[in-house]
Protein backbone atom coordinates (compact mmCIF):
# COMPACT_ATOMS: atom_id res chain seq x y z
CA UNK A 1 79.31 43.66 107.94
CA UNK A 2 78.87 46.82 109.91
CA UNK A 3 81.53 48.72 111.69
CA UNK A 4 81.87 47.06 115.08
CA UNK A 5 82.67 50.37 116.73
CA UNK A 6 79.56 51.96 115.32
CA UNK A 7 77.11 49.09 115.73
CA UNK A 8 75.64 47.96 118.99
CA UNK A 9 73.33 49.73 121.39
CA UNK A 10 72.70 52.65 119.05
CA UNK A 11 72.84 50.64 115.82
CA UNK A 12 74.33 52.37 112.81
CA UNK A 13 72.83 55.68 113.90
CA UNK A 14 75.93 56.47 115.98
CA UNK A 15 78.23 56.29 112.96
CA UNK A 16 75.89 58.43 110.90
CA UNK A 17 75.54 60.90 113.75
CA UNK A 18 79.31 61.19 114.11
CA UNK A 19 79.71 61.80 110.38
CA UNK A 20 77.02 64.48 110.43
CA UNK A 21 78.64 66.08 113.49
CA UNK A 22 81.89 66.32 111.50
CA UNK A 23 79.99 68.22 108.81
CA UNK A 24 78.64 70.46 111.57
CA UNK A 25 82.17 71.20 112.78
CA UNK A 26 83.17 72.21 109.27
CA UNK A 27 80.14 74.49 108.99
CA UNK A 28 81.10 76.10 112.32
CA UNK A 29 84.65 76.63 111.06
CA UNK A 30 83.23 78.34 108.00
CA UNK A 31 81.23 80.62 110.26
CA UNK A 32 84.32 81.48 112.30
CA UNK A 33 86.24 82.32 109.11
CA UNK A 34 83.40 84.56 107.99
CA UNK A 35 83.52 86.40 111.30
CA UNK A 36 87.23 87.02 110.74
CA UNK A 37 86.45 88.47 107.31
CA UNK A 38 83.87 90.78 108.87
CA UNK A 39 86.39 91.92 111.47
CA UNK A 40 88.80 92.77 108.65
CA UNK A 41 86.07 94.74 106.88
CA UNK A 42 85.43 96.67 110.08
CA UNK A 43 89.11 97.55 110.44
CA UNK A 44 89.24 98.84 106.87
CA UNK A 45 86.08 100.88 107.38
CA UNK A 46 87.71 102.60 110.35
CA UNK A 47 90.60 103.82 108.21
CA UNK A 48 90.61 107.60 107.85
CA UNK A 49 90.69 107.99 104.09
CA UNK A 50 89.61 111.47 103.07
CA UNK A 51 89.63 111.04 99.29
CA UNK A 52 86.45 110.40 97.30
CA UNK A 53 87.97 107.10 96.15
CA UNK A 54 88.59 106.09 99.76
CA UNK A 55 85.01 106.94 100.70
CA UNK A 56 83.69 105.00 97.71
CA UNK A 57 85.80 102.02 98.75
CA UNK A 58 84.45 102.13 102.30
CA UNK A 59 80.90 102.40 100.96
CA UNK A 60 81.46 99.37 98.75
CA UNK A 61 83.00 97.49 101.65
CA UNK A 62 79.99 98.30 103.78
CA UNK A 63 77.67 96.71 101.22
CA UNK A 64 79.90 93.65 101.05
CA UNK A 65 79.90 93.40 104.85
CA UNK A 66 76.09 93.34 104.84
CA UNK A 67 76.12 90.52 102.30
CA UNK A 68 78.67 88.55 104.34
CA UNK A 69 76.64 89.09 107.52
CA UNK A 70 73.52 87.73 105.80
CA UNK A 71 75.48 84.74 104.54
CA UNK A 72 76.78 84.11 108.05
CA UNK A 73 73.23 84.19 109.38
CA UNK A 74 72.33 81.49 106.87
CA UNK A 75 75.43 79.49 107.82
CA UNK A 76 74.37 79.61 111.47
CA UNK A 77 70.91 78.38 110.50
CA UNK A 78 72.52 75.57 108.52
CA UNK A 79 74.72 74.72 111.49
CA UNK A 80 71.65 74.39 113.70
CA UNK A 81 69.97 72.18 111.10
CA UNK A 82 73.05 69.95 110.85
CA UNK A 83 73.17 69.60 114.64
CA UNK A 84 69.49 68.64 114.71
CA UNK A 85 70.08 66.11 111.95
CA UNK A 86 73.00 64.60 113.89
CA UNK A 87 70.76 64.17 116.93
CA UNK A 88 68.04 62.59 114.80
CA UNK A 89 70.53 60.26 113.11
CA UNK A 90 71.66 58.99 116.49
CA UNK A 91 68.26 57.45 117.09
CA UNK A 92 67.51 56.45 113.51
CA UNK A 93 67.78 53.01 112.01
CA UNK A 94 69.03 54.29 108.66
CA UNK A 95 72.00 52.66 107.07
CA UNK A 96 74.95 54.77 105.86
CA UNK A 97 73.98 54.14 102.23
CA UNK A 98 70.58 55.78 102.78
CA UNK A 99 68.48 52.62 102.81
CA UNK A 100 66.17 51.73 105.69
């Protein structure tokens, strides 16, 4: 009752691996979006606002950029973990429903 395309030489591990790789692609897309946000922060920080409010805004933005950078570091770590899990799933004998 397995998926004929996913069964065979690699067993059900191939199907699981492909599903996990799709999650990895989504995590990578999230990382790319975060990088775009950081680039936008950088552009705003370069603006030449002389007012105290402008300086306060840039200072606030700088703190937010640090938080986004840390989050992106964690996303990259998660991406590496997902990739490792996809490789492990390829050789596993686990079924898609989590049973052995």
